[in-house]
PDB file of all heavy atoms in Angstrom:
ATOM      1  N   GLY A   1      22.560  -9.810  26.849  1.00  0.00           N
ATOM      2  CA  GLY A   1      21.898  -9.975  28.123  1.00  0.00           C
ATOM      3  C   GLY A   1      21.300  -8.725  28.717  1.00  0.00           C
ATOM      4  O   GLY A   1      20.663  -8.792  29.777  1.00  0.00           O
ATOM      5  N   GLY A   2      21.486  -7.591  28.075  1.00  0.00           N
ATOM      6  CA  GLY A   2      20.904  -6.363  28.584  1.00  0.00           C
ATOM      7  C   GLY A   2      19.393  -6.359  28.445  1.00  0.00           C
ATOM      8  O   GLY A   2      18.801  -7.207  27.785  1.00  0.00           O
ATOM      9  N   GLY A   3      18.783  -5.387  29.081  1.00  0.00           N
ATOM     10  CA  GLY A   3      17.340  -5.272  29.031  1.00  0.00           C
ATOM     11  C   GLY A   3      16.841  -4.202  29.958  1.00  0.00           C
ATOM     12  O   GLY A   3      17.612  -3.396  30.488  1.00  0.00           O
ATOM     13  N   LEU A   4      15.539  -4.199  30.156  1.00  0.00           N
ATOM     14  CA  LEU A   4      14.866  -3.237  31.022  1.00  0.00           C
ATOM     15  C   LEU A   4      14.415  -3.944  32.291  1.00  0.00           C
ATOM     16  O   LEU A   4      13.696  -4.951  32.226  1.00  0.00           O
ATOM     17  CB  LEU A   4      13.657  -2.629  30.301  1.00  0.00           C
ATOM     18  CG  LEU A   4      12.748  -1.724  31.123  1.00  0.00           C
ATOM     19  CD1 LEU A   4      13.506  -0.494  31.596  1.00  0.00           C
ATOM     20  CD2 LEU A   4      11.527  -1.332  30.304  1.00  0.00           C
ATOM     21  N   VAL A   5      14.841  -3.429  33.436  1.00  0.00           N
ATOM     22  CA  VAL A   5      14.464  -3.995  34.726  1.00  0.00           C
ATOM     23  C   VAL A   5      14.105  -2.871  35.686  1.00  0.00           C
ATOM     24  O   VAL A   5      14.504  -1.724  35.507  1.00  0.00           O
ATOM     25  CB  VAL A   5      15.584  -4.857  35.343  1.00  0.00           C
ATOM     26  CG1 VAL A   5      15.900  -6.047  34.447  1.00  0.00           C
ATOM     27  CG2 VAL A   5      16.831  -4.022  35.580  1.00  0.00           C
ATOM     28  N   GLN A   6      13.347  -3.212  36.707  1.00  0.00           N
ATOM     29  CA  GLN A   6      13.039  -2.271  37.768  1.00  0.00           C
ATOM     30  C   GLN A   6      14.172  -2.216  38.781  1.00  0.00           C
ATOM     31  O   GLN A   6      14.952  -3.171  38.912  1.00  0.00           O
ATOM     32  CB  GLN A   6      11.737  -2.657  38.469  1.00  0.00           C
ATOM     33  CG  GLN A   6      10.500  -2.510  37.614  1.00  0.00           C
ATOM     34  CD  GLN A   6       9.234  -2.799  38.383  1.00  0.00           C
ATOM     35  OE1 GLN A   6       9.234  -3.578  39.339  1.00  0.00           O
ATOM     36  NE2 GLN A   6       8.138  -2.179  37.969  1.00  0.00           N
ATOM     37  N   ALA A   7      14.271  -1.106  39.474  1.00  0.00           N
ATOM     38  CA  ALA A   7      15.269  -0.977  40.523  1.00  0.00           C
ATOM     39  C   ALA A   7      15.149  -2.127  41.511  1.00  0.00           C
ATOM     40  O   ALA A   7      14.046  -2.512  41.910  1.00  0.00           O
ATOM     41  CB  ALA A   7      15.117   0.355  41.237  1.00  0.00           C
ATOM     42  N   GLY A   8      16.296  -2.672  41.887  1.00  0.00           N
ATOM     43  CA  GLY A   8      16.328  -3.829  42.764  1.00  0.00           C
ATOM     44  C   GLY A   8      16.382  -5.152  42.040  1.00  0.00           C
ATOM     45  O   GLY A   8      16.633  -6.190  42.675  1.00  0.00           O
ATOM     46  N   GLY A   9      16.172  -5.144  40.743  1.00  0.00           N
ATOM     47  CA  GLY A   9      16.196  -6.358  39.959  1.00  0.00           C
ATOM     48  C   GLY A   9      17.593  -6.781  39.571  1.00  0.00           C
ATOM     49  O   GLY A   9      18.589  -6.162  39.959  1.00  0.00           O
ATOM     50  N   SER A  10      17.657  -7.851  38.769  1.00  0.00           N
ATOM     51  CA  SER A  10      18.933  -8.440  38.387  1.00  0.00           C
ATOM     52  C   SER A  10      18.985  -8.708  36.893  1.00  0.00           C
ATOM     53  O   SER A  10      17.954  -8.930  36.242  1.00  0.00           O
ATOM     54  CB  SER A  10      19.164  -9.764  39.123  1.00  0.00           C
ATOM     55  OG  SER A  10      19.227  -9.579  40.525  1.00  0.00           O
ATOM     56  N   LEU A  11      20.185  -8.683  36.361  1.00  0.00           N
ATOM     57  CA  LEU A  11      20.471  -9.083  34.993  1.00  0.00           C
ATOM     58  C   LEU A  11      21.816  -9.785  34.972  1.00  0.00           C
ATOM     59  O   LEU A  11      22.678  -9.500  35.811  1.00  0.00           O
ATOM     60  CB  LEU A  11      20.524  -7.885  34.044  1.00  0.00           C
ATOM     61  CG  LEU A  11      19.224  -7.225  33.615  1.00  0.00           C
ATOM     62  CD1 LEU A  11      19.537  -5.950  32.835  1.00  0.00           C
ATOM     63  CD2 LEU A  11      18.390  -8.167  32.767  1.00  0.00           C
ATOM     64  N   ARG A  12      22.003 -10.671  34.011  1.00  0.00           N
ATOM     65  CA  ARG A  12      23.303 -11.282  33.786  1.00  0.00           C
ATOM     66  C   ARG A  12      23.733 -11.010  32.359  1.00  0.00           C
ATOM     67  O   ARG A  12      23.076 -11.443  31.405  1.00  0.00           O
ATOM     68  CB  ARG A  12      23.283 -12.792  34.040  1.00  0.00           C
ATOM     69  CG  ARG A  12      24.691 -13.400  33.972  1.00  0.00           C
ATOM     70  CD  ARG A  12      24.727 -14.866  34.299  1.00  0.00           C
ATOM     71  NE  ARG A  12      24.157 -15.690  33.244  1.00  0.00           N
ATOM     72  CZ  ARG A  12      24.373 -16.990  33.107  1.00  0.00           C
ATOM     73  NH1 ARG A  12      25.152 -17.623  33.972  1.00  0.00           N
ATOM     74  NH2 ARG A  12      23.794 -17.660  32.129  1.00  0.00           N
ATOM     75  N   LEU A  13      24.828 -10.294  32.222  1.00  0.00           N
ATOM     76  CA  LEU A  13      25.399 -10.013  30.921  1.00  0.00           C
ATOM     77  C   LEU A  13      26.409 -11.091  30.550  1.00  0.00           C
ATOM     78  O   LEU A  13      27.096 -11.635  31.414  1.00  0.00           O
ATOM     79  CB  LEU A  13      26.089  -8.650  30.916  1.00  0.00           C
ATOM     80  CG  LEU A  13      25.252  -7.447  31.359  1.00  0.00           C
ATOM     81  CD1 LEU A  13      26.068  -6.172  31.213  1.00  0.00           C
ATOM     82  CD2 LEU A  13      23.952  -7.370  30.584  1.00  0.00           C
ATOM     83  N   SER A  14      26.498 -11.372  29.265  1.00  0.00           N
ATOM     84  CA  SER A  14      27.444 -12.349  28.756  1.00  0.00           C
ATOM     85  C   SER A  14      28.339 -11.706  27.712  1.00  0.00           C
ATOM     86  O   SER A  14      27.898 -10.847  26.946  1.00  0.00           O
ATOM     87  CB  SER A  14      26.718 -13.542  28.125  1.00  0.00           C
ATOM     88  OG  SER A  14      25.906 -14.208  29.064  1.00  0.00           O
ATOM     89  N   CYS A  15      29.583 -12.125  27.689  1.00  0.00           N
ATOM     90  CA  CYS A  15      30.538 -11.686  26.683  1.00  0.00           C
ATOM     91  C   CYS A  15      31.165 -12.927  26.066  1.00  0.00           C
ATOM     92  O   CYS A  15      31.966 -13.602  26.718  1.00  0.00           O
ATOM     93  CB  CYS A  15      31.606 -10.785  27.297  1.00  0.00           C
ATOM     94  SG  CYS A  15      32.874 -10.244  26.131  1.00  0.00           S
ATOM     95  N   ALA A  16      30.791 -13.224  24.846  1.00  0.00           N
ATOM     96  CA  ALA A  16      31.335 -14.364  24.125  1.00  0.00           C
ATOM     97  C   ALA A  16      32.527 -13.912  23.305  1.00  0.00           C
ATOM     98  O   ALA A  16      32.409 -12.993  22.489  1.00  0.00           O
ATOM     99  CB  ALA A  16      30.268 -14.985  23.228  1.00  0.00           C
ATOM    100  N   ALA A  17      33.661 -14.551  23.527  1.00  0.00           N
ATOM    101  CA  ALA A  17      34.905 -14.167  22.874  1.00  0.00           C
ATOM    102  C   ALA A  17      35.335 -15.236  21.883  1.00  0.00           C
ATOM    103  O   ALA A  17      35.159 -16.429  22.117  1.00  0.00           O
ATOM    104  CB  ALA A  17      36.005 -13.944  23.910  1.00  0.00           C
ATOM    105  N   SER A  18      35.913 -14.792  20.788  1.00  0.00           N
ATOM    106  CA  SER A  18      36.431 -15.711  19.782  1.00  0.00           C
ATOM    107  C   SER A  18      37.612 -15.071  19.074  1.00  0.00           C
ATOM    108  O   SER A  18      37.796 -13.855  19.122  1.00  0.00           O
ATOM    109  CB  SER A  18      35.346 -16.097  18.766  1.00  0.00           C
ATOM    110  OG  SER A  18      34.899 -14.956  18.052  1.00  0.00           O
ATOM    111  N   GLY A  19      38.411 -15.902  18.423  1.00  0.00           N
ATOM    112  CA  GLY A  19      39.520 -15.411  17.635  1.00  0.00           C
ATOM    113  C   GLY A  19      40.771 -15.086  18.420  1.00  0.00           C
ATOM    114  O   GLY A  19      41.664 -14.419  17.895  1.00  0.00           O
ATOM    115  N   PHE A  20      40.871 -15.553  19.667  1.00  0.00           N
ATOM    116  CA  PHE A  20      42.055 -15.274  20.472  1.00  0.00           C
ATOM    117  C   PHE A  20      43.224 -16.151  20.057  1.00  0.00           C
ATOM    118  O   PHE A  20      43.059 -17.351  19.831  1.00  0.00           O
ATOM    119  CB  PHE A  20      41.764 -15.504  21.954  1.00  0.00           C
ATOM    120  CG  PHE A  20      40.880 -14.475  22.563  1.00  0.00           C
ATOM    121  CD1 PHE A  20      39.531 -14.710  22.731  1.00  0.00           C
ATOM    122  CD2 PHE A  20      41.406 -13.262  22.988  1.00  0.00           C
ATOM    123  CE1 PHE A  20      38.710 -13.761  23.301  1.00  0.00           C
ATOM    124  CE2 PHE A  20      40.590 -12.306  23.559  1.00  0.00           C
ATOM    125  CZ  PHE A  20      39.243 -12.554  23.714  1.00  0.00           C
ATOM    126  N   THR A  21      44.403 -15.545  20.003  1.00  0.00           N
ATOM    127  CA  THR A  21      45.636 -16.272  19.736  1.00  0.00           C
ATOM    128  C   THR A  21      46.686 -16.032  20.807  1.00  0.00           C
ATOM    129  O   THR A  21      47.794 -16.545  20.689  1.00  0.00           O
ATOM    130  CB  THR A  21      46.217 -15.892  18.365  1.00  0.00           C
ATOM    131  OG1 THR A  21      46.497 -14.487  18.336  1.00  0.00           O
ATOM    132  CG2 THR A  21      45.238 -16.245  17.256  1.00  0.00           C
ATOM    133  N   PHE A  22      46.359 -15.276  21.846  1.00  0.00           N
ATOM    134  CA  PHE A  22      47.296 -14.972  22.923  1.00  0.00           C
ATOM    135  C   PHE A  22      46.897 -15.725  24.187  1.00  0.00           C
ATOM    136  O   PHE A  22      45.748 -16.136  24.350  1.00  0.00           O
ATOM    137  CB  PHE A  22      47.366 -13.465  23.202  1.00  0.00           C
ATOM    138  CG  PHE A  22      46.056 -12.763  23.054  1.00  0.00           C
ATOM    139  CD1 PHE A  22      45.123 -12.766  24.078  1.00  0.00           C
ATOM    140  CD2 PHE A  22      45.750 -12.081  21.890  1.00  0.00           C
ATOM    141  CE1 PHE A  22      43.916 -12.118  23.957  1.00  0.00           C
ATOM    142  CE2 PHE A  22      44.541 -11.422  21.741  1.00  0.00           C
ATOM    143  CZ  PHE A  22      43.622 -11.445  22.779  1.00  0.00           C
ATOM    144  N   ASP A  23      47.875 -15.882  25.090  1.00  0.00           N
ATOM    145  CA  ASP A  23      47.668 -16.695  26.282  1.00  0.00           C
ATOM    146  C   ASP A  23      47.166 -15.902  27.475  1.00  0.00           C
ATOM    147  O   ASP A  23      46.217 -16.318  28.144  1.00  0.00           O
ATOM    148  CB  ASP A  23      48.971 -17.406  26.662  1.00  0.00           C
ATOM    149  CG  ASP A  23      49.426 -18.412  25.622  1.00  0.00           C
ATOM    150  OD1 ASP A  23      48.559 -19.035  24.980  1.00  0.00           O
ATOM    151  OD2 ASP A  23      50.650 -18.575  25.455  1.00  0.00           O
ATOM    152  N   ASP A  24      47.808 -14.793  27.763  1.00  0.00           N
ATOM    153  CA  ASP A  24      47.498 -14.012  28.954  1.00  0.00           C
ATOM    154  C   ASP A  24      46.780 -12.734  28.566  1.00  0.00           C
ATOM    155  O   ASP A  24      47.242 -11.981  27.703  1.00  0.00           O
ATOM    156  CB  ASP A  24      48.770 -13.682  29.738  1.00  0.00           C
ATOM    157  CG  ASP A  24      49.483 -14.923  30.230  1.00  0.00           C
ATOM    158  OD1 ASP A  24      48.792 -15.872  30.648  1.00  0.00           O
ATOM    159  OD2 ASP A  24      50.728 -14.944  30.202  1.00  0.00           O
TER     160      ASP A  24
END
């Protein structure tokens, strides 16, 4: 989700997770 934006603009980053075997 990164990129180049002008000051005052917005971005939304995403983090996709996989392979978890723990609860907390």
